[in-house]
Amino acid sequence: MNTVPARPAAPREHPPVRGLLWLVGRQHRAALCAGLVLVAAVAAYILWMRADMVGYLRAHGIEDCAQWRAGCGPHSEAYAHVHRAYRDPLLNTGRLILALPALAGVFLGAPLFARELESGTYRLMWSQSVGRVRWAVAKLALPAAAVLAGTTALSALYTWWWRAARLALPDVAWGTAVPFDTTGPAQVALAALLFFLGAAIGLLLPRTLPAMAATLAAGAGAQYGLDTLRPHLMPRTTVVSDATGDFGRVPDEVFHTSWRGGPLGQLTPSGAKIPLERCLSADGGSGTENCLARLGATRRAYEELHPAGHYWPLQWIQAGICLSAAAALAAFCVWWVRRRPAVKETA
């Protein structure tokens, strides 16, 4: 009687991603999946709203027009509709996107190491042949890549929407937190900074909830500091009126596309600047005029502003600051893990 040899057992299928990266993905899959769903939902909303807005602009012939341009005045009612229907959704979406880097720092960055240190599970990993540095790099790499991919996608889409809406919404200054911090490389670099900031805080405060609270506070402080620093990253451009104080020779586009809010005042006969705030007083207009006259001001006025051409240089300067800080924090995390003494188990 012939016997049929037993077939060898089929090899067990292994996960496509192995080792530390697979383990990190398993540990943080809930947060990563939630982030993916959020990014997909916001992206779909941006695509829908932009398509609706651009369709309206094209239907009324104001896609490349603005009220302050010659020949665009008859479309005032169409501009009013754009302002009512799309301004708030645009800004509110920007505020949501602006919150995402902080959420990444709080819910991904801060627990990254703090949870391991709090529970003591790091001892198991450090006792293996993996090595501390490799463990730290793997812990940082996968969540950081996910955060950067998500923020890059949303930043690109929001920039695309904003560029289509900027002419119709000249009252929204491009240098404010929304849209500046939610468009271009500034958004991606900010996300990297806050993620690594959370990871570093999680090492210094090895308790998950305190680390998350500290990351939220530090992230808010970092964003406030960037908003305060931004106007001074590049010298402002000065526009000057004629001898009667009329800015008529300055093209309207300069004022309507610039980031204003800088110093303004009047000039002396030698061209020295007298800031208006220096003469603001409780006496009203006459008191201000008398103060300017005493200081030798002429009727020539000036204003300092950031023209539209400063947008991309400011984006890259701020992004460079954030990425440099993020790289320093990432290096600190690896150094700290490498230098931390092992904790011996007590019987």
C-alpha atoms as a PDB file:
ATOM      1  CA  MET A   1       0.000   0.000   0.000  1.00  0.00           C
ATOM      2  CA  ASN A   2       1.503   3.272  -1.143  1.00  0.00           C
ATOM      3  CA  THR A   3       1.565   6.079   1.310  1.00  0.00           C
ATOM      4  CA  VAL A   4       1.250   9.655   0.231  1.00  0.00           C
ATOM      5  CA  PRO A   5       3.870  11.779   1.913  1.00  0.00           C
ATOM      6  CA  ALA A   6       2.418  14.474   4.096  1.00  0.00           C
ATOM      7  CA  ARG A   7       2.562  17.895   2.583  1.00  0.00           C
ATOM      8  CA  PRO A   8       4.723  20.330   4.449  1.00  0.00           C
ATOM      9  CA  ALA A   9       2.723  22.814   6.449  1.00  0.00           C
ATOM     10  CA  ALA A  10       2.214  26.125   4.697  1.00  0.00           C
ATOM     11  CA  PRO A  11       4.421  28.822   6.163  1.00  0.00           C
ATOM     12  CA  ARG A  12       2.622  31.163   8.483  1.00  0.00           C
ATOM     13  CA  GLU A  13       1.950  34.552   7.060  1.00  0.00           C
ATOM     14  CA  HIS A  14       3.754  37.360   8.798  1.00  0.00           C
ATOM     15  CA  PRO A  15       2.782  41.007   8.921  1.00  0.00           C
ATOM     16  CA  PRO A  16       4.213  42.932   5.960  1.00  0.00           C
ATOM     17  CA  VAL A  17       5.954  45.297   8.343  1.00  0.00           C
ATOM     18  CA  ARG A  18       8.159  43.674  10.918  1.00  0.00           C
ATOM     19  CA  GLY A  19      10.284  44.603  13.849  1.00  0.00           C
ATOM     20  CA  LEU A  20      10.185  47.848  15.737  1.00  0.00           C
ATOM     21  CA  LEU A  21       8.196  49.843  13.180  1.00  0.00           C
ATOM     22  CA  TRP A  22       5.459  47.204  13.219  1.00  0.00           C
ATOM     23  CA  LEU A  23       5.427  47.269  17.004  1.00  0.00           C
ATOM     24  CA  VAL A  24       5.243  51.078  17.102  1.00  0.00           C
ATOM     25  CA  GLY A  25       2.413  50.992  14.591  1.00  0.00           C
ATOM     26  CA  ARG A  26       0.515  48.505  16.752  1.00  0.00           C
ATOM     27  CA  GLN A  27       1.046  50.617  19.857  1.00  0.00           C
ATOM     28  CA  HIS A  28      -0.258  53.804  18.262  1.00  0.00           C
ATOM     29  CA  ARG A  29      -2.717  52.431  15.726  1.00  0.00           C
ATOM     30  CA  ALA A  30      -5.727  54.007  17.460  1.00  0.00           C
ATOM     31  CA  ALA A  31      -4.258  57.513  17.322  1.00  0.00           C
ATOM     32  CA  LEU A  32      -2.928  57.001  13.786  1.00  0.00           C
ATOM     33  CA  CYS A  33      -6.282  55.719  12.509  1.00  0.00           C
ATOM     34  CA  ALA A  34      -8.137  58.591  14.164  1.00  0.00           C
ATOM     35  CA  GLY A  35      -5.714  61.041  12.573  1.00  0.00           C
ATOM     36  CA  LEU A  36      -6.180  59.436   9.161  1.00  0.00           C
ATOM     37  CA  VAL A  37      -9.962  59.718   9.424  1.00  0.00           C
ATOM     38  CA  LEU A  38      -9.724  63.355  10.518  1.00  0.00           C
ATOM     39  CA  VAL A  39      -7.336  64.278   7.699  1.00  0.00           C
ATOM     40  CA  ALA A  40      -9.538  62.531   5.124  1.00  0.00           C
ATOM     41  CA  ALA A  41     -12.669  64.304   6.390  1.00  0.00           C
ATOM     42  CA  VAL A  42     -11.056  67.757   6.386  1.00  0.00           C
ATOM     43  CA  ALA A  43      -9.528  67.142   2.950  1.00  0.00           C
ATOM     44  CA  ALA A  44     -12.902  66.131   1.514  1.00  0.00           C
ATOM     45  CA  TYR A  45     -14.535  69.227   3.005  1.00  0.00           C
ATOM     46  CA  ILE A  46     -11.856  71.517   1.527  1.00  0.00           C
ATOM     47  CA  LEU A  47     -12.237  69.953  -1.922  1.00  0.00           C
ATOM     48  CA  TRP A  48     -16.014  70.334  -1.807  1.00  0.00           C
ATOM     49  CA  MET A  49     -16.012  73.929  -0.537  1.00  0.00           C
ATOM     50  CA  ARG A  50     -13.319  75.070  -2.947  1.00  0.00           C
ATOM     51  CA  ALA A  51     -15.112  73.543  -5.925  1.00  0.00           C
ATOM     52  CA  ASP A  52     -18.349  75.245  -4.861  1.00  0.00           C
ATOM     53  CA  MET A  53     -16.646  78.621  -4.358  1.00  0.00           C
ATOM     54  CA  VAL A  54     -14.664  78.529  -7.614  1.00  0.00           C
ATOM     55  CA  GLY A  55     -17.819  77.537  -9.488  1.00  0.00           C
ATOM     56  CA  TYR A  56     -19.604  80.597  -8.108  1.00  0.00           C
ATOM     57  CA  LEU A  57     -16.674  82.896  -8.942  1.00  0.00           C
ATOM     58  CA  ARG A  58     -16.531  81.600 -12.514  1.00  0.00           C
ATOM     59  CA  ALA A  59     -20.279  81.804 -12.975  1.00  0.00           C
ATOM     60  CA  HIS A  60     -20.207  85.528 -12.058  1.00  0.00           C
ATOM     61  CA  GLY A  61     -16.983  86.352 -13.894  1.00  0.00           C
ATOM     62  CA  ILE A  62     -14.975  87.370 -10.822  1.00  0.00           C
ATOM     63  CA  GLU A  63     -12.511  84.495 -10.601  1.00  0.00           C
ATOM     64  CA  ASP A  64      -9.493  86.766 -11.281  1.00  0.00           C
ATOM     65  CA  CYS A  65     -11.108  90.004 -10.235  1.00  0.00           C
ATOM     66  CA  ALA A  66     -11.343  92.045  -7.050  1.00  0.00           C
ATOM     67  CA  GLN A  67     -13.512  94.963  -6.005  1.00  0.00           C
ATOM     68  CA  TRP A  68     -10.565  97.321  -5.741  1.00  0.00           C
ATOM     69  CA  ARG A  69      -9.565  96.705  -9.360  1.00  0.00           C
ATOM     70  CA  ALA A  70     -10.898  98.885 -12.124  1.00  0.00           C
ATOM     71  CA  GLY A  71     -13.884  97.377 -13.856  1.00  0.00           C
ATOM     72  CA  CYS A  72     -14.773  94.998 -11.027  1.00  0.00           C
ATOM     73  CA  GLY A  73     -17.054  97.357  -9.100  1.00  0.00           C
ATOM     74  CA  PRO A  74     -20.323  96.237 -10.766  1.00  0.00           C
ATOM     75  CA  HIS A  75     -19.911  92.814  -9.155  1.00  0.00           C
ATOM     76  CA  SER A  76     -20.326  94.115  -5.604  1.00  0.00           C
ATOM     77  CA  GLU A  77     -23.343  91.901  -4.869  1.00  0.00           C
ATOM     78  CA  ALA A  78     -21.447  88.804  -5.995  1.00  0.00           C
ATOM     79  CA  TYR A  79     -18.539  89.768  -3.737  1.00  0.00           C
ATOM     80  CA  ALA A  80     -20.941  90.238  -0.831  1.00  0.00           C
ATOM     81  CA  HIS A  81     -22.260  86.701  -1.377  1.00  0.00           C
ATOM     82  CA  VAL A  82     -18.720  85.278  -1.455  1.00  0.00           C
ATOM     83  CA  HIS A  83     -17.972  87.091   1.798  1.00  0.00           C
ATOM     84  CA  ARG A  84     -21.135  85.762   3.469  1.00  0.00           C
ATOM     85  CA  ALA A  85     -20.977  82.220   2.170  1.00  0.00           C
ATOM     86  CA  TYR A  86     -17.274  81.339   2.188  1.00  0.00           C
ATOM     87  CA  ARG A  87     -15.352  83.613   4.549  1.00  0.00           C
ATOM     88  CA  ASP A  88     -16.365  81.905   7.809  1.00  0.00           C
ATOM     89  CA  PRO A  89     -15.962  78.339   6.462  1.00  0.00           C
ATOM     90  CA  LEU A  90     -12.520  79.247   5.147  1.00  0.00           C
ATOM     91  CA  LEU A  91     -11.351  80.761   8.433  1.00  0.00           C
ATOM     92  CA  ASN A  92     -12.945  78.091  10.639  1.00  0.00           C
ATOM     93  CA  THR A  93     -11.334  75.333   8.589  1.00  0.00           C
ATOM     94  CA  GLY A  94      -8.020  77.136   8.952  1.00  0.00           C
ATOM     95  CA  ARG A  95      -8.458  77.274  12.725  1.00  0.00           C
ATOM     96  CA  LEU A  96      -9.109  73.537  12.795  1.00  0.00           C
ATOM     97  CA  ILE A  97      -6.001  72.841  10.726  1.00  0.00           C
ATOM     98  CA  LEU A  98      -4.017  75.163  12.987  1.00  0.00           C
ATOM     99  CA  ALA A  99      -5.038  73.025  15.970  1.00  0.00           C
ATOM    100  CA  LEU A 100      -3.808  69.781  14.368  1.00  0.00           C
ATOM    101  CA  PRO A 101      -0.077  70.303  15.147  1.00  0.00           C
ATOM    102  CA  ALA A 102      -0.980  70.897  18.791  1.00  0.00           C
ATOM    103  CA  LEU A 103      -3.148  67.763  18.814  1.00  0.00           C
ATOM    104  CA  ALA A 104      -0.296  65.770  17.292  1.00  0.00           C
ATOM    105  CA  GLY A 105       2.040  66.981  20.020  1.00  0.00           C
ATOM    106  CA  VAL A 106      -0.453  66.248  22.805  1.00  0.00           C
ATOM    107  CA  PHE A 107      -1.868  62.881  21.703  1.00  0.00           C
ATOM    108  CA  LEU A 108       1.075  61.423  19.773  1.00  0.00           C
ATOM    109  CA  GLY A 109       4.240  63.173  20.910  1.00  0.00           C
ATOM    110  CA  ALA A 110       3.713  63.457  24.665  1.00  0.00           C
ATOM    111  CA  PRO A 111       2.596  59.825  25.326  1.00  0.00           C
ATOM    112  CA  LEU A 112       5.266  58.424  23.001  1.00  0.00           C
ATOM    113  CA  PHE A 113       7.875  57.973  25.736  1.00  0.00           C
ATOM    114  CA  ALA A 114       5.922  59.082  28.809  1.00  0.00           C
ATOM    115  CA  ARG A 115       3.631  56.045  28.685  1.00  0.00           C
ATOM    116  CA  GLU A 116       6.579  53.659  28.364  1.00  0.00           C
ATOM    117  CA  LEU A 117       8.419  55.292  31.270  1.00  0.00           C
ATOM    118  CA  GLU A 118       5.303  55.468  33.420  1.00  0.00           C
ATOM    119  CA  SER A 119       4.377  51.808  32.945  1.00  0.00           C
ATOM    120  CA  GLY A 120       7.953  50.510  32.999  1.00  0.00           C
ATOM    121  CA  THR A 121       7.634  48.636  29.694  1.00  0.00           C
ATOM    122  CA  TYR A 122      10.751  50.375  28.414  1.00  0.00           C
ATOM    123  CA  ARG A 123      12.825  47.970  30.558  1.00  0.00           C
ATOM    124  CA  LEU A 124      11.679  45.032  28.433  1.00  0.00           C
ATOM    125  CA  MET A 125      12.744  46.734  25.213  1.00  0.00           C
ATOM    126  CA  TRP A 126      16.084  47.861  26.620  1.00  0.00           C
ATOM    127  CA  SER A 127      16.875  44.315  27.738  1.00  0.00           C
ATOM    128  CA  GLN A 128      16.564  43.018  24.165  1.00  0.00           C
ATOM    129  CA  SER A 129      19.197  43.132  21.429  1.00  0.00           C
ATOM    130  CA  VAL A 130      17.471  46.022  19.691  1.00  0.00           C
ATOM    131  CA  GLY A 131      19.440  48.807  21.323  1.00  0.00           C
ATOM    132  CA  ARG A 132      18.250  52.026  22.868  1.00  0.00           C
ATOM    133  CA  VAL A 133      19.084  54.331  19.981  1.00  0.00           C
ATOM    134  CA  ARG A 134      17.340  52.134  17.436  1.00  0.00           C
ATOM    135  CA  TRP A 135      14.324  51.903  19.751  1.00  0.00           C
ATOM    136  CA  ALA A 136      14.166  55.683  20.168  1.00  0.00           C
ATOM    137  CA  VAL A 137      14.556  56.335  16.437  1.00  0.00           C
ATOM    138  CA  ALA A 138      11.820  53.833  15.586  1.00  0.00           C
ATOM    139  CA  LYS A 139       9.517  55.307  18.218  1.00  0.00           C
ATOM    140  CA  LEU A 140       9.976  58.762  16.700  1.00  0.00           C
ATOM    141  CA  ALA A 141      10.112  57.896  12.996  1.00  0.00           C
ATOM    142  CA  LEU A 142       6.731  56.323  12.282  1.00  0.00           C
ATOM    143  CA  PRO A 143       4.493  58.829  14.151  1.00  0.00           C
ATOM    144  CA  ALA A 144       6.567  61.742  12.839  1.00  0.00           C
ATOM    145  CA  ALA A 145       6.207  60.490   9.255  1.00  0.00           C
ATOM    146  CA  ALA A 146       2.437  60.146   9.726  1.00  0.00           C
ATOM    147  CA  VAL A 147       2.143  63.651  11.208  1.00  0.00           C
ATOM    148  CA  LEU A 148       4.203  65.222   8.426  1.00  0.00           C
ATOM    149  CA  ALA A 149       2.296  63.370   5.698  1.00  0.00           C
ATOM    150  CA  GLY A 150      -1.086  64.447   7.066  1.00  0.00           C
ATOM    151  CA  THR A 151      -0.149  68.070   7.617  1.00  0.00           C
ATOM    152  CA  THR A 152       1.532  68.291   4.213  1.00  0.00           C
ATOM    153  CA  ALA A 153      -1.639  67.082   2.496  1.00  0.00           C
ATOM    154  CA  LEU A 154      -3.904  69.475   4.404  1.00  0.00           C
ATOM    155  CA  SER A 155      -1.510  72.398   4.032  1.00  0.00           C
ATOM    156  CA  ALA A 156      -1.346  71.886   0.256  1.00  0.00           C
ATOM    157  CA  LEU A 157      -5.127  71.655  -0.054  1.00  0.00           C
ATOM    158  CA  TYR A 158      -5.784  74.653   2.201  1.00  0.00           C
ATOM    159  CA  THR A 159      -3.187  76.734   0.348  1.00  0.00           C
ATOM    160  CA  TRP A 160      -4.955  75.801  -2.887  1.00  0.00           C
ATOM    161  CA  TRP A 161      -8.270  76.978  -1.439  1.00  0.00           C
ATOM    162  CA  TRP A 162      -6.822  80.141   0.060  1.00  0.00           C
ATOM    163  CA  ARG A 163      -5.090  81.196  -3.189  1.00  0.00           C
ATOM    164  CA  ALA A 164      -8.443  80.991  -4.970  1.00  0.00           C
ATOM    165  CA  ALA A 165     -10.188  83.084  -2.298  1.00  0.00           C
ATOM    166  CA  ARG A 166      -7.600  85.728  -1.430  1.00  0.00           C
ATOM    167  CA  LEU A 167      -8.672  88.317  -4.033  1.00  0.00           C
ATOM    168  CA  ALA A 168     -12.319  88.096  -3.006  1.00  0.00           C
ATOM    169  CA  LEU A 169     -11.487  88.385   0.717  1.00  0.00           C
ATOM    170  CA  PRO A 170      -8.986  91.262   1.002  1.00  0.00           C
ATOM    171  CA  ASP A 171     -10.042  91.947   4.604  1.00  0.00           C
ATOM    172  CA  VAL A 172      -8.274  88.763   5.768  1.00  0.00           C
ATOM    173  CA  ALA A 173      -4.595  89.641   6.195  1.00  0.00           C
ATOM    174  CA  TRP A 174      -2.300  86.891   4.953  1.00  0.00           C
ATOM    175  CA  GLY A 175       0.190  87.411   7.792  1.00  0.00           C
ATOM    176  CA  THR A 176      -2.188  86.484  10.611  1.00  0.00           C
ATOM    177  CA  ALA A 177      -2.165  83.013  12.179  1.00  0.00           C
ATOM    178  CA  VAL A 178      -4.968  81.984   9.821  1.00  0.00           C
ATOM    179  CA  PRO A 179      -4.071  81.659   6.990  1.00  0.00           C
ATOM    180  CA  PHE A 180      -0.287  82.013   7.437  1.00  0.00           C
ATOM    181  CA  ASP A 181       0.281  79.140   9.891  1.00  0.00           C
ATOM    182  CA  THR A 182      -2.068  76.839   7.962  1.00  0.00           C
ATOM    183  CA  THR A 183      -0.556  77.282   4.504  1.00  0.00           C
ATOM    184  CA  GLY A 184       2.766  76.481   2.911  1.00  0.00           C
ATOM    185  CA  PRO A 185       5.786  74.933   4.652  1.00  0.00           C
ATOM    186  CA  ALA A 186       5.064  76.860   7.874  1.00  0.00           C
ATOM    187  CA  GLN A 187       2.229  74.442   8.740  1.00  0.00           C
ATOM    188  CA  VAL A 188       4.339  71.329   8.155  1.00  0.00           C
ATOM    189  CA  ALA A 189       7.313  72.684  10.098  1.00  0.00           C
ATOM    190  CA  LEU A 190       5.068  73.719  12.992  1.00  0.00           C
ATOM    191  CA  ALA A 191       3.645  70.194  13.168  1.00  0.00           C
ATOM    192  CA  ALA A 192       7.172  68.738  13.315  1.00  0.00           C
ATOM    193  CA  LEU A 193       8.150  71.186  16.060  1.00  0.00           C
ATOM    194  CA  LEU A 194       5.150  70.460  18.288  1.00  0.00           C
ATOM    195  CA  PHE A 195       5.409  66.686  17.821  1.00  0.00           C
ATOM    196  CA  PHE A 196       9.067  66.556  18.885  1.00  0.00           C
ATOM    197  CA  LEU A 197       8.360  69.079  21.628  1.00  0.00           C
ATOM    198  CA  GLY A 198       5.754  66.689  23.037  1.00  0.00           C
ATOM    199  CA  ALA A 199       8.177  63.760  22.783  1.00  0.00           C
ATOM    200  CA  ALA A 200      10.882  65.680  24.647  1.00  0.00           C
ATOM    201  CA  ILE A 201       8.463  66.748  27.371  1.00  0.00           C
ATOM    202  CA  GLY A 202       7.331  63.142  27.716  1.00  0.00           C
ATOM    203  CA  LEU A 203      10.911  62.159  28.512  1.00  0.00           C
ATOM    204  CA  LEU A 204      11.347  64.913  31.077  1.00  0.00           C
ATOM    205  CA  LEU A 205       7.915  64.351  32.669  1.00  0.00           C
ATOM    206  CA  PRO A 206       7.481  60.555  32.660  1.00  0.00           C
ATOM    207  CA  ARG A 207       3.761  60.725  33.470  1.00  0.00           C
ATOM    208  CA  THR A 208       1.350  60.665  30.569  1.00  0.00           C
ATOM    209  CA  LEU A 209      -1.286  63.174  31.654  1.00  0.00           C
ATOM    210  CA  PRO A 210       1.138  65.792  33.047  1.00  0.00           C
ATOM    211  CA  ALA A 211       3.237  65.461  29.875  1.00  0.00           C
ATOM    212  CA  MET A 212       0.156  66.022  27.701  1.00  0.00           C
ATOM    213  CA  ALA A 213      -0.885  69.087  29.721  1.00  0.00           C
ATOM    214  CA  ALA A 214       2.630  70.538  29.602  1.00  0.00           C
ATOM    215  CA  THR A 215       2.829  69.921  25.848  1.00  0.00           C
ATOM    216  CA  LEU A 216      -0.446  71.764  25.312  1.00  0.00           C
ATOM    217  CA  ALA A 217       0.811  74.765  27.282  1.00  0.00           C
ATOM    218  CA  ALA A 218       4.236  74.755  25.621  1.00  0.00           C
ATOM    219  CA  GLY A 219       2.691  74.384  22.164  1.00  0.00           C
ATOM    220  CA  ALA A 220       0.382  77.347  22.738  1.00  0.00           C
ATOM    221  CA  GLY A 221       3.383  79.379  23.890  1.00  0.00           C
ATOM    222  CA  ALA A 222       5.389  78.380  20.810  1.00  0.00           C
ATOM    223  CA  GLN A 223       2.584  79.408  18.456  1.00  0.00           C
ATOM    224  CA  TYR A 224       2.141  82.722  20.262  1.00  0.00           C
ATOM    225  CA  GLY A 225       5.882  83.354  20.077  1.00  0.00           C
ATOM    226  CA  LEU A 226       5.938  82.669  16.341  1.00  0.00           C
ATOM    227  CA  ASP A 227       3.011  85.030  15.743  1.00  0.00           C
ATOM    228  CA  THR A 228       4.804  87.736  17.735  1.00  0.00           C
ATOM    229  CA  LEU A 229       8.136  87.173  15.995  1.00  0.00           C
ATOM    230  CA  ARG A 230       6.799  86.912  12.434  1.00  0.00           C
ATOM    231  CA  PRO A 231       6.455  90.664  11.628  1.00  0.00           C
ATOM    232  CA  HIS A 232      10.133  91.138  12.482  1.00  0.00           C
ATOM    233  CA  LEU A 233      11.576  88.286  10.420  1.00  0.00           C
ATOM    234  CA  MET A 234      11.966  90.611   7.422  1.00  0.00           C
ATOM    235  CA  PRO A 235      12.276  94.398   7.184  1.00  0.00           C
ATOM    236  CA  ARG A 236       8.988  96.035   6.259  1.00  0.00           C
ATOM    237  CA  THR A 237       8.607  98.063   3.081  1.00  0.00           C
ATOM    238  CA  THR A 238       7.860 101.772   3.536  1.00  0.00           C
ATOM    239  CA  VAL A 239       5.351 103.524   1.262  1.00  0.00           C
ATOM    240  CA  VAL A 240       5.313 107.325   1.242  1.00  0.00           C
ATOM    241  CA  SER A 241       2.623 109.798   0.212  1.00  0.00           C
ATOM    242  CA  ASP A 242       3.076 112.975  -1.778  1.00  0.00           C
ATOM    243  CA  ALA A 243       3.513 116.413  -0.194  1.00  0.00           C
ATOM    244  CA  THR A 244      -0.232 116.695   0.496  1.00  0.00           C
ATOM    245  CA  GLY A 245      -0.498 113.367   2.317  1.00  0.00           C
ATOM    246  CA  ASP A 246      -2.181 111.581  -0.591  1.00  0.00           C
ATOM    247  CA  PHE A 247      -1.155 107.992  -1.314  1.00  0.00           C
ATOM    248  CA  GLY A 248      -2.776 108.142  -4.748  1.00  0.00           C
ATOM    249  CA  ARG A 249       0.443 107.392  -6.578  1.00  0.00           C
ATOM    250  CA  VAL A 250       0.778 104.086  -4.710  1.00  0.00           C
ATOM    251  CA  PRO A 251      -1.135 101.366  -6.634  1.00  0.00           C
ATOM    252  CA  ASP A 252      -4.252 100.101  -4.877  1.00  0.00           C
ATOM    253  CA  GLU A 253      -2.951  96.554  -5.207  1.00  0.00           C
ATOM    254  CA  VAL A 254      -0.099  97.359  -2.812  1.00  0.00           C
ATOM    255  CA  PHE A 255      -2.486  98.181   0.027  1.00  0.00           C
ATOM    256  CA  HIS A 256      -5.046  95.480  -0.711  1.00  0.00           C
ATOM    257  CA  THR A 257      -2.590  92.588  -1.029  1.00  0.00           C
ATOM    258  CA  SER A 258      -0.131  93.606   1.704  1.00  0.00           C
ATOM    259  CA  TRP A 259       0.031  92.597   5.334  1.00  0.00           C
ATOM    260  CA  ARG A 260      -0.541  95.913   7.043  1.00  0.00           C
ATOM    261  CA  GLY A 261      -0.590  96.900  10.698  1.00  0.00           C
ATOM    262  CA  GLY A 262       2.968  98.205  10.922  1.00  0.00           C
ATOM    263  CA  PRO A 263       4.078 101.653  12.087  1.00  0.00           C
ATOM    264  CA  LEU A 264       2.644 104.699  10.326  1.00  0.00           C
ATOM    265  CA  GLY A 265       3.099 108.415  10.797  1.00  0.00           C
ATOM    266  CA  GLN A 266       4.564 111.479   9.133  1.00  0.00           C
ATOM    267  CA  LEU A 267       7.951 112.576   7.850  1.00  0.00           C
ATOM    268  CA  THR A 268      10.114 115.562   8.760  1.00  0.00           C
ATOM    269  CA  PRO A 269      11.670 117.728   6.005  1.00  0.00           C
ATOM    270  CA  SER A 270      14.849 115.607   6.320  1.00  0.00           C
ATOM    271  CA  GLY A 271      12.894 112.370   5.859  1.00  0.00           C
ATOM    272  CA  ALA A 272      12.995 111.231   9.491  1.00  0.00           C
ATOM    273  CA  LYS A 273       9.991 109.211  10.629  1.00  0.00           C
ATOM    274  CA  ILE A 274       7.660 110.380  13.401  1.00  0.00           C
ATOM    275  CA  PRO A 275       5.405 107.465  14.415  1.00  0.00           C
ATOM    276  CA  LEU A 276       1.797 108.501  14.876  1.00  0.00           C
ATOM    277  CA  GLU A 277       1.531 106.569  18.137  1.00  0.00           C
ATOM    278  CA  ARG A 278       4.110 108.917  19.624  1.00  0.00           C
ATOM    279  CA  CYS A 279       1.628 111.763  19.413  1.00  0.00           C
ATOM    280  CA  LEU A 280      -1.608 109.984  20.222  1.00  0.00           C
ATOM    281  CA  SER A 281      -3.161 111.764  23.177  1.00  0.00           C
ATOM    282  CA  ALA A 282      -6.452 112.202  24.945  1.00  0.00           C
ATOM    283  CA  ASP A 283      -6.841 115.641  23.401  1.00  0.00           C
ATOM    284  CA  GLY A 284      -8.238 114.226  20.173  1.00  0.00           C
ATOM    285  CA  GLY A 285      -7.214 115.236  16.677  1.00  0.00           C
ATOM    286  CA  SER A 286      -6.032 118.762  17.539  1.00  0.00           C
ATOM    287  CA  GLY A 287      -3.692 117.461  20.234  1.00  0.00           C
ATOM    288  CA  THR A 288      -2.157 114.942  17.835  1.00  0.00           C
ATOM    289  CA  GLU A 289      -1.681 117.587  15.132  1.00  0.00           C
ATOM    290  CA  ASN A 290      -0.056 120.020  17.581  1.00  0.00           C
ATOM    291  CA  CYS A 291       2.305 117.291  18.779  1.00  0.00           C
ATOM    292  CA  LEU A 292       3.331 116.441  15.212  1.00  0.00           C
ATOM    293  CA  ALA A 293       3.843 120.118  14.430  1.00  0.00           C
ATOM    294  CA  ARG A 294       6.104 120.558  17.470  1.00  0.00           C
ATOM    295  CA  LEU A 295       8.218 117.636  16.262  1.00  0.00           C
ATOM    296  CA  GLY A 296       8.589 119.247  12.836  1.00  0.00           C
ATOM    297  CA  ALA A 297       6.381 116.883  10.836  1.00  0.00           C
ATOM    298  CA  THR A 298       5.355 117.731   7.306  1.00  0.00           C
ATOM    299  CA  ARG A 299       2.172 116.589   5.585  1.00  0.00           C
ATOM    300  CA  ARG A 300       4.006 113.712   3.937  1.00  0.00           C
ATOM    301  CA  ALA A 301       2.790 110.457   5.493  1.00  0.00           C
ATOM    302  CA  TYR A 302       4.334 107.007   5.510  1.00  0.00           C
ATOM    303  CA  GLU A 303       3.289 103.450   6.320  1.00  0.00           C
ATOM    304  CA  GLU A 304       5.399 100.352   6.883  1.00  0.00           C
ATOM    305  CA  LEU A 305       3.972  97.064   5.600  1.00  0.00           C
ATOM    306  CA  HIS A 306       4.837  93.631   4.287  1.00  0.00           C
ATOM    307  CA  PRO A 307       3.949  93.453   0.564  1.00  0.00           C
ATOM    308  CA  ALA A 308       2.601  90.294  -1.016  1.00  0.00           C
ATOM    309  CA  GLY A 309       6.116  89.415  -2.190  1.00  0.00           C
ATOM    310  CA  HIS A 310       7.153  88.800   1.427  1.00  0.00           C
ATOM    311  CA  TYR A 311       4.737  85.906   1.859  1.00  0.00           C
ATOM    312  CA  TRP A 312       6.940  83.055   0.628  1.00  0.00           C
ATOM    313  CA  PRO A 313      10.214  84.355   2.148  1.00  0.00           C
ATOM    314  CA  LEU A 314       8.474  84.662   5.525  1.00  0.00           C
ATOM    315  CA  GLN A 315       7.047  81.156   5.086  1.00  0.00           C
ATOM    316  CA  TRP A 316      10.480  79.641   4.538  1.00  0.00           C
ATOM    317  CA  ILE A 317      12.143  81.663   7.287  1.00  0.00           C
ATOM    318  CA  GLN A 318       9.564  80.575   9.851  1.00  0.00           C
ATOM    319  CA  ALA A 319       9.682  76.990   8.570  1.00  0.00           C
ATOM    320  CA  GLY A 320      13.464  77.017   8.929  1.00  0.00           C
ATOM    321  CA  ILE A 321      13.203  78.178  12.545  1.00  0.00           C
ATOM    322  CA  CYS A 322      10.668  75.470  13.386  1.00  0.00           C
ATOM    323  CA  LEU A 323      12.566  72.690  11.613  1.00  0.00           C
ATOM    324  CA  SER A 324      15.833  73.658  13.311  1.00  0.00           C
ATOM    325  CA  ALA A 325      14.143  73.532  16.704  1.00  0.00           C
ATOM    326  CA  ALA A 326      12.448  70.228  15.800  1.00  0.00           C
ATOM    327  CA  ALA A 327      15.773  68.672  14.764  1.00  0.00           C
ATOM    328  CA  ALA A 328      17.358  69.810  18.029  1.00  0.00           C
ATOM    329  CA  LEU A 329      14.496  68.285  20.042  1.00  0.00           C
ATOM    330  CA  ALA A 330      14.719  65.001  18.118  1.00  0.00           C
ATOM    331  CA  ALA A 331      18.469  64.843  18.797  1.00  0.00           C
ATOM    332  CA  PHE A 332      17.801  65.569  22.469  1.00  0.00           C
ATOM    333  CA  CYS A 333      15.315  62.683  22.653  1.00  0.00           C
ATOM    334  CA  VAL A 334      17.832  60.198  21.207  1.00  0.00           C
ATOM    335  CA  TRP A 335      20.615  61.525  23.450  1.00  0.00           C
ATOM    336  CA  TRP A 336      18.432  61.338  26.552  1.00  0.00           C
ATOM    337  CA  VAL A 337      17.388  57.732  25.873  1.00  0.00           C
ATOM    338  CA  ARG A 338      20.988  56.736  25.211  1.00  0.00           C
ATOM    339  CA  ARG A 339      22.328  58.368  28.369  1.00  0.00           C
ATOM    340  CA  ARG A 340      19.528  57.414  30.769  1.00  0.00           C
ATOM    341  CA  PRO A 341      20.784  54.872  33.287  1.00  0.00           C
ATOM    342  CA  ALA A 342      19.005  51.540  33.351  1.00  0.00           C
ATOM    343  CA  VAL A 343      16.673  51.005  36.288  1.00  0.00           C
ATOM    344  CA  LYS A 344      17.263  47.704  38.022  1.00  0.00           C
ATOM    345  CA  GLU A 345      14.274  45.716  39.068  1.00  0.00           C
ATOM    346  CA  THR A 346      13.915  45.287  42.775  1.00  0.00           C
ATOM    347  CA  ALA A 347      12.927  41.943  44.158  1.00  0.00           C
END
